[in-house]
Amino acid sequence: MGYSSITGTPKTFIQELKRDYNKDNFELIDIKATCFGKRIWIAYKLKDTGESIIALYKMKRYGQEWCYNGWAESAGPYEYDCPLELLDKTTGLKNETAIKWREQVRKYHANLKAISEEIKIGETVKVYGKLYKITEKVKKHYRAVCLENGNTYRLRVKQIERLEGSLGFIMNAAGQQII
């Protein structure tokens, strides 16, 4: 399946989704954006069956135009950064693909939490091939100094590749082992 184009921005697309998911067949439960708005996660209830599920809309920009592609959890969106809050608000579908996808989402978040708890101030890490020294933890992020240029950056746990004292593995957003 390809991408469909929209008029407007991801923000206006979210407004359209809110309107569309409050129609006859659906009841919107919640909506969250991740990856700087490039992934829009929607929790909604199917009125006829009472099931509540999650759908992902991935946004891409082609020139001046924004496009999207959507998947319900029954199609296995193969993105695992869905907010846990949405999983907790929904029942999910009882098919094998949806069940496996929900398990992978929980594993992904558990892995990030374990890595976050293990990263120490002063540790050297790698992000996109460059070395950084962790200087501070700020909520869910870290401040780090790039050893190449001396600039300070904010790093997210899922960007960090561990070099020392690692749990032995890191999974990327697709659930594939990196280290």
C-alpha atoms as a PDB file:
ATOM      1  CA  MET A   1       0.000   0.000   0.000  1.00  0.00           C
ATOM      2  CA  GLY A   2       1.190   3.469  -0.798  1.00  0.00           C
ATOM      3  CA  TYR A   3       0.854   6.784   0.951  1.00  0.00           C
ATOM      4  CA  SER A   4      -2.160   9.079   0.545  1.00  0.00           C
ATOM      5  CA  SER A   5      -1.718  12.843   0.466  1.00  0.00           C
ATOM      6  CA  ILE A   6      -3.416  15.321   2.762  1.00  0.00           C
ATOM      7  CA  THR A   7      -4.056  19.021   2.661  1.00  0.00           C
ATOM      8  CA  GLY A   8      -2.448  20.803   5.564  1.00  0.00           C
ATOM      9  CA  THR A   9       0.011  19.605   8.177  1.00  0.00           C
ATOM     10  CA  PRO A  10       0.191  16.674  10.611  1.00  0.00           C
ATOM     11  CA  LYS A  11      -1.530  18.933  13.160  1.00  0.00           C
ATOM     12  CA  THR A  12      -4.518  19.524  10.872  1.00  0.00           C
ATOM     13  CA  PHE A  13      -4.512  15.815   9.982  1.00  0.00           C
ATOM     14  CA  ILE A  14      -4.860  14.993  13.698  1.00  0.00           C
ATOM     15  CA  GLN A  15      -7.902  17.291  13.838  1.00  0.00           C
ATOM     16  CA  GLU A  16      -9.408  15.439  10.863  1.00  0.00           C
ATOM     17  CA  LEU A  17      -8.737  12.090  12.547  1.00  0.00           C
ATOM     18  CA  LYS A  18     -10.434  13.279  15.723  1.00  0.00           C
ATOM     19  CA  ARG A  19     -13.489  14.177  13.683  1.00  0.00           C
ATOM     20  CA  ASP A  20     -13.414  10.956  11.617  1.00  0.00           C
ATOM     21  CA  TYR A  21     -12.984   8.667  14.633  1.00  0.00           C
ATOM     22  CA  ASN A  22     -16.044  10.121  16.334  1.00  0.00           C
ATOM     23  CA  LYS A  23     -18.506   8.936  13.701  1.00  0.00           C
ATOM     24  CA  ASP A  24     -21.150   6.225  13.660  1.00  0.00           C
ATOM     25  CA  ASN A  25     -18.867   3.165  13.811  1.00  0.00           C
ATOM     26  CA  PHE A  26     -16.070   4.501  16.022  1.00  0.00           C
ATOM     27  CA  GLU A  27     -15.547   6.221  19.339  1.00  0.00           C
ATOM     28  CA  LEU A  28     -12.188   7.978  19.803  1.00  0.00           C
ATOM     29  CA  ILE A  29     -10.478   7.084  23.084  1.00  0.00           C
ATOM     30  CA  ASP A  30      -7.193   8.962  22.749  1.00  0.00           C
ATOM     31  CA  ILE A  31      -4.638  10.181  20.228  1.00  0.00           C
ATOM     32  CA  LYS A  32      -0.851  10.563  20.682  1.00  0.00           C
ATOM     33  CA  ALA A  33       1.964  11.598  18.364  1.00  0.00           C
ATOM     34  CA  THR A  34       5.521  10.233  18.570  1.00  0.00           C
ATOM     35  CA  CYS A  35       8.666  10.752  16.564  1.00  0.00           C
ATOM     36  CA  PHE A  36       8.088  14.523  16.386  1.00  0.00           C
ATOM     37  CA  GLY A  37       4.600  14.024  14.959  1.00  0.00           C
ATOM     38  CA  LYS A  38       5.621  11.605  12.218  1.00  0.00           C
ATOM     39  CA  ARG A  39       3.775   8.749  13.911  1.00  0.00           C
ATOM     40  CA  ILE A  40       0.232   9.302  15.076  1.00  0.00           C
ATOM     41  CA  TRP A  41      -1.213   6.618  17.354  1.00  0.00           C
ATOM     42  CA  ILE A  42      -4.991   6.423  17.771  1.00  0.00           C
ATOM     43  CA  ALA A  43      -6.905   4.390  20.338  1.00  0.00           C
ATOM     44  CA  TYR A  44     -10.532   3.884  19.398  1.00  0.00           C
ATOM     45  CA  LYS A  45     -13.524   1.707  20.144  1.00  0.00           C
ATOM     46  CA  LEU A  46     -15.499  -0.198  17.539  1.00  0.00           C
ATOM     47  CA  LYS A  47     -19.101   0.514  18.501  1.00  0.00           C
ATOM     48  CA  ASP A  48     -20.566  -2.628  16.934  1.00  0.00           C
ATOM     49  CA  THR A  49     -18.242  -5.116  18.722  1.00  0.00           C
ATOM     50  CA  GLY A  50     -17.167  -3.090  21.757  1.00  0.00           C
ATOM     51  CA  GLU A  51     -13.508  -3.879  21.044  1.00  0.00           C
ATOM     52  CA  SER A  52     -11.027  -1.075  21.532  1.00  0.00           C
ATOM     53  CA  ILE A  53      -7.921  -1.081  19.367  1.00  0.00           C
ATOM     54  CA  ILE A  54      -4.983   1.002  18.195  1.00  0.00           C
ATOM     55  CA  ALA A  55      -4.110   2.287  14.745  1.00  0.00           C
ATOM     56  CA  LEU A  56      -0.908   3.910  13.513  1.00  0.00           C
ATOM     57  CA  TYR A  57      -0.702   6.652  10.913  1.00  0.00           C
ATOM     58  CA  LYS A  58       2.815   7.286   9.609  1.00  0.00           C
ATOM     59  CA  MET A  59       3.425  10.721   8.152  1.00  0.00           C
ATOM     60  CA  LYS A  60       5.961  11.567   5.440  1.00  0.00           C
ATOM     61  CA  ARG A  61       6.715  14.745   3.625  1.00  0.00           C
ATOM     62  CA  TYR A  62       7.199  14.714  -0.134  1.00  0.00           C
ATOM     63  CA  GLY A  63       8.279  18.174  -1.224  1.00  0.00           C
ATOM     64  CA  GLN A  64       5.573  20.561  -0.006  1.00  0.00           C
ATOM     65  CA  GLU A  65       3.009  17.807   0.501  1.00  0.00           C
ATOM     66  CA  TRP A  66       2.338  15.670   3.607  1.00  0.00           C
ATOM     67  CA  CYS A  67       1.284  12.071   3.087  1.00  0.00           C
ATOM     68  CA  TYR A  68       0.138   9.284   5.406  1.00  0.00           C
ATOM     69  CA  ASN A  69      -0.278   5.540   5.569  1.00  0.00           C
ATOM     70  CA  GLY A  70      -2.334   3.784   8.236  1.00  0.00           C
ATOM     71  CA  TRP A  71      -2.380   0.365   9.898  1.00  0.00           C
ATOM     72  CA  ALA A  72      -4.585  -1.116  12.588  1.00  0.00           C
ATOM     73  CA  GLU A  73      -2.903  -3.317  15.174  1.00  0.00           C
ATOM     74  CA  SER A  74      -4.359  -6.386  13.433  1.00  0.00           C
ATOM     75  CA  ALA A  75      -2.010  -5.623  10.525  1.00  0.00           C
ATOM     76  CA  GLY A  76       1.041  -5.495  12.814  1.00  0.00           C
ATOM     77  CA  PRO A  77       2.251  -1.913  12.288  1.00  0.00           C
ATOM     78  CA  TYR A  78       5.878  -3.055  12.933  1.00  0.00           C
ATOM     79  CA  GLU A  79       6.568   0.112  14.888  1.00  0.00           C
ATOM     80  CA  TYR A  80       6.861  -0.431  18.609  1.00  0.00           C
ATOM     81  CA  ASP A  81       7.033   3.059  20.123  1.00  0.00           C
ATOM     82  CA  CYS A  82       3.279   3.178  20.656  1.00  0.00           C
ATOM     83  CA  PRO A  83       2.684   4.873  24.032  1.00  0.00           C
ATOM     84  CA  LEU A  84       1.974   2.272  26.720  1.00  0.00           C
ATOM     85  CA  GLU A  85      -0.826   4.514  27.921  1.00  0.00           C
ATOM     86  CA  LEU A  86      -2.778   3.623  24.763  1.00  0.00           C
ATOM     87  CA  LEU A  87      -2.244  -0.115  25.271  1.00  0.00           C
ATOM     88  CA  ASP A  88      -3.578   0.233  28.796  1.00  0.00           C
ATOM     89  CA  LYS A  89      -6.694   2.072  27.551  1.00  0.00           C
ATOM     90  CA  THR A  90      -7.616  -0.555  24.961  1.00  0.00           C
ATOM     91  CA  THR A  91      -8.573  -4.231  24.950  1.00  0.00           C
ATOM     92  CA  GLY A  92      -6.878  -5.103  21.676  1.00  0.00           C
ATOM     93  CA  LEU A  93      -7.950  -7.648  19.117  1.00  0.00           C
ATOM     94  CA  LYS A  94      -7.795 -11.356  19.740  1.00  0.00           C
ATOM     95  CA  ASN A  95      -5.888 -12.237  16.584  1.00  0.00           C
ATOM     96  CA  GLU A  96      -2.309 -13.522  16.626  1.00  0.00           C
ATOM     97  CA  THR A  97      -0.759 -10.534  14.834  1.00  0.00           C
ATOM     98  CA  ALA A  98      -2.301  -7.993  17.231  1.00  0.00           C
ATOM     99  CA  ILE A  99      -1.319 -10.043  20.287  1.00  0.00           C
ATOM    100  CA  LYS A 100       2.302 -10.371  19.096  1.00  0.00           C
ATOM    101  CA  TRP A 101       2.457  -6.662  18.250  1.00  0.00           C
ATOM    102  CA  ARG A 102       1.270  -5.683  21.739  1.00  0.00           C
ATOM    103  CA  GLU A 103       3.890  -7.994  23.285  1.00  0.00           C
ATOM    104  CA  GLN A 104       6.614  -6.350  21.161  1.00  0.00           C
ATOM    105  CA  VAL A 105       5.480  -2.860  22.216  1.00  0.00           C
ATOM    106  CA  ARG A 106       5.766  -3.848  25.891  1.00  0.00           C
ATOM    107  CA  LYS A 107       9.207  -5.446  25.282  1.00  0.00           C
ATOM    108  CA  TYR A 108      10.398  -2.332  23.469  1.00  0.00           C
ATOM    109  CA  HIS A 109       9.420  -0.054  26.370  1.00  0.00           C
ATOM    110  CA  ALA A 110      10.824  -2.439  28.993  1.00  0.00           C
ATOM    111  CA  ASN A 111      14.118  -2.523  27.096  1.00  0.00           C
ATOM    112  CA  LEU A 112      14.293   1.283  26.916  1.00  0.00           C
ATOM    113  CA  LYS A 113      13.547   1.546  30.636  1.00  0.00           C
ATOM    114  CA  ALA A 114      16.247  -1.005  31.518  1.00  0.00           C
ATOM    115  CA  ILE A 115      18.805   0.791  29.365  1.00  0.00           C
ATOM    116  CA  SER A 116      17.806   4.164  30.802  1.00  0.00           C
ATOM    117  CA  GLU A 117      18.269   2.911  34.357  1.00  0.00           C
ATOM    118  CA  GLU A 118      21.708   1.534  33.547  1.00  0.00           C
ATOM    119  CA  ILE A 119      23.201   4.573  31.760  1.00  0.00           C
ATOM    120  CA  LYS A 120      25.530   6.410  34.132  1.00  0.00           C
ATOM    121  CA  ILE A 121      26.696  10.021  34.242  1.00  0.00           C
ATOM    122  CA  GLY A 122      30.191  10.124  32.741  1.00  0.00           C
ATOM    123  CA  GLU A 123      29.586   7.105  30.502  1.00  0.00           C
ATOM    124  CA  THR A 124      30.677   7.293  26.860  1.00  0.00           C
ATOM    125  CA  VAL A 125      27.993   6.302  24.359  1.00  0.00           C
ATOM    126  CA  LYS A 126      27.606   6.293  20.598  1.00  0.00           C
ATOM    127  CA  VAL A 127      24.832   8.058  18.688  1.00  0.00           C
ATOM    128  CA  TYR A 128      24.721   7.842  14.904  1.00  0.00           C
ATOM    129  CA  GLY A 129      28.404   6.898  14.818  1.00  0.00           C
ATOM    130  CA  LYS A 130      29.670   9.740  17.046  1.00  0.00           C
ATOM    131  CA  LEU A 131      30.906   9.463  20.630  1.00  0.00           C
ATOM    132  CA  TYR A 132      29.264  11.413  23.458  1.00  0.00           C
ATOM    133  CA  LYS A 133      29.962  11.703  27.185  1.00  0.00           C
ATOM    134  CA  ILE A 134      26.772  11.661  29.302  1.00  0.00           C
ATOM    135  CA  THR A 135      26.728  14.699  31.624  1.00  0.00           C
ATOM    136  CA  GLU A 136      23.201  14.778  33.068  1.00  0.00           C
ATOM    137  CA  LYS A 137      19.852  12.971  33.088  1.00  0.00           C
ATOM    138  CA  VAL A 138      16.861  15.242  32.471  1.00  0.00           C
ATOM    139  CA  LYS A 139      13.504  13.440  32.756  1.00  0.00           C
ATOM    140  CA  LYS A 140      13.507  10.903  29.888  1.00  0.00           C
ATOM    141  CA  HIS A 141      16.510  12.438  28.124  1.00  0.00           C
ATOM    142  CA  TYR A 142      20.219  12.832  28.701  1.00  0.00           C
ATOM    143  CA  ARG A 143      22.503  15.780  28.136  1.00  0.00           C
ATOM    144  CA  ALA A 144      25.771  14.787  26.591  1.00  0.00           C
ATOM    145  CA  VAL A 145      28.875  16.424  25.158  1.00  0.00           C
ATOM    146  CA  CYS A 146      29.954  15.351  21.698  1.00  0.00           C
ATOM    147  CA  LEU A 147      33.598  14.316  21.940  1.00  0.00           C
ATOM    148  CA  GLU A 148      34.167  15.332  18.316  1.00  0.00           C
ATOM    149  CA  ASN A 149      33.073  18.986  18.530  1.00  0.00           C
ATOM    150  CA  GLY A 150      32.504  19.740  22.246  1.00  0.00           C
ATOM    151  CA  ASN A 151      28.865  20.775  21.726  1.00  0.00           C
ATOM    152  CA  THR A 152      26.178  19.709  24.205  1.00  0.00           C
ATOM    153  CA  TYR A 153      23.151  17.804  22.919  1.00  0.00           C
ATOM    154  CA  ARG A 154      19.969  16.289  24.295  1.00  0.00           C
ATOM    155  CA  LEU A 155      19.859  12.549  23.612  1.00  0.00           C
ATOM    156  CA  ARG A 156      16.924  10.191  23.788  1.00  0.00           C
ATOM    157  CA  VAL A 157      17.473   6.696  25.145  1.00  0.00           C
ATOM    158  CA  LYS A 158      16.412   5.056  21.888  1.00  0.00           C
ATOM    159  CA  GLN A 159      19.179   6.942  20.036  1.00  0.00           C
ATOM    160  CA  ILE A 160      21.962   5.682  22.284  1.00  0.00           C
ATOM    161  CA  GLU A 161      24.218   2.735  21.496  1.00  0.00           C
ATOM    162  CA  ARG A 162      25.994   1.509  24.596  1.00  0.00           C
ATOM    163  CA  LEU A 163      29.757   0.995  24.572  1.00  0.00           C
ATOM    164  CA  GLU A 164      30.486  -0.007  28.160  1.00  0.00           C
ATOM    165  CA  GLY A 165      28.545  -1.704  30.947  1.00  0.00           C
ATOM    166  CA  SER A 166      25.779  -2.582  28.532  1.00  0.00           C
ATOM    167  CA  LEU A 167      22.886  -4.957  29.055  1.00  0.00           C
ATOM    168  CA  GLY A 168      24.315  -6.838  26.095  1.00  0.00           C
ATOM    169  CA  PHE A 169      21.752  -5.731  23.538  1.00  0.00           C
ATOM    170  CA  ILE A 170      19.828  -2.783  22.244  1.00  0.00           C
ATOM    171  CA  MET A 171      16.718  -3.037  20.100  1.00  0.00           C
ATOM    172  CA  ASN A 172      15.888  -0.370  17.565  1.00  0.00           C
ATOM    173  CA  ALA A 173      12.352   0.881  16.974  1.00  0.00           C
ATOM    174  CA  ALA A 174      11.691  -2.097  14.704  1.00  0.00           C
ATOM    175  CA  GLY A 175      12.583  -4.489  17.522  1.00  0.00           C
ATOM    176  CA  GLN A 176      15.766  -5.619  15.785  1.00  0.00           C
ATOM    177  CA  GLN A 177      18.856  -6.194  17.893  1.00  0.00           C
ATOM    178  CA  ILE A 178      21.565  -3.582  17.283  1.00  0.00           C
ATOM    179  CA  ILE A 179      24.222  -4.625  19.763  1.00  0.00           C
END
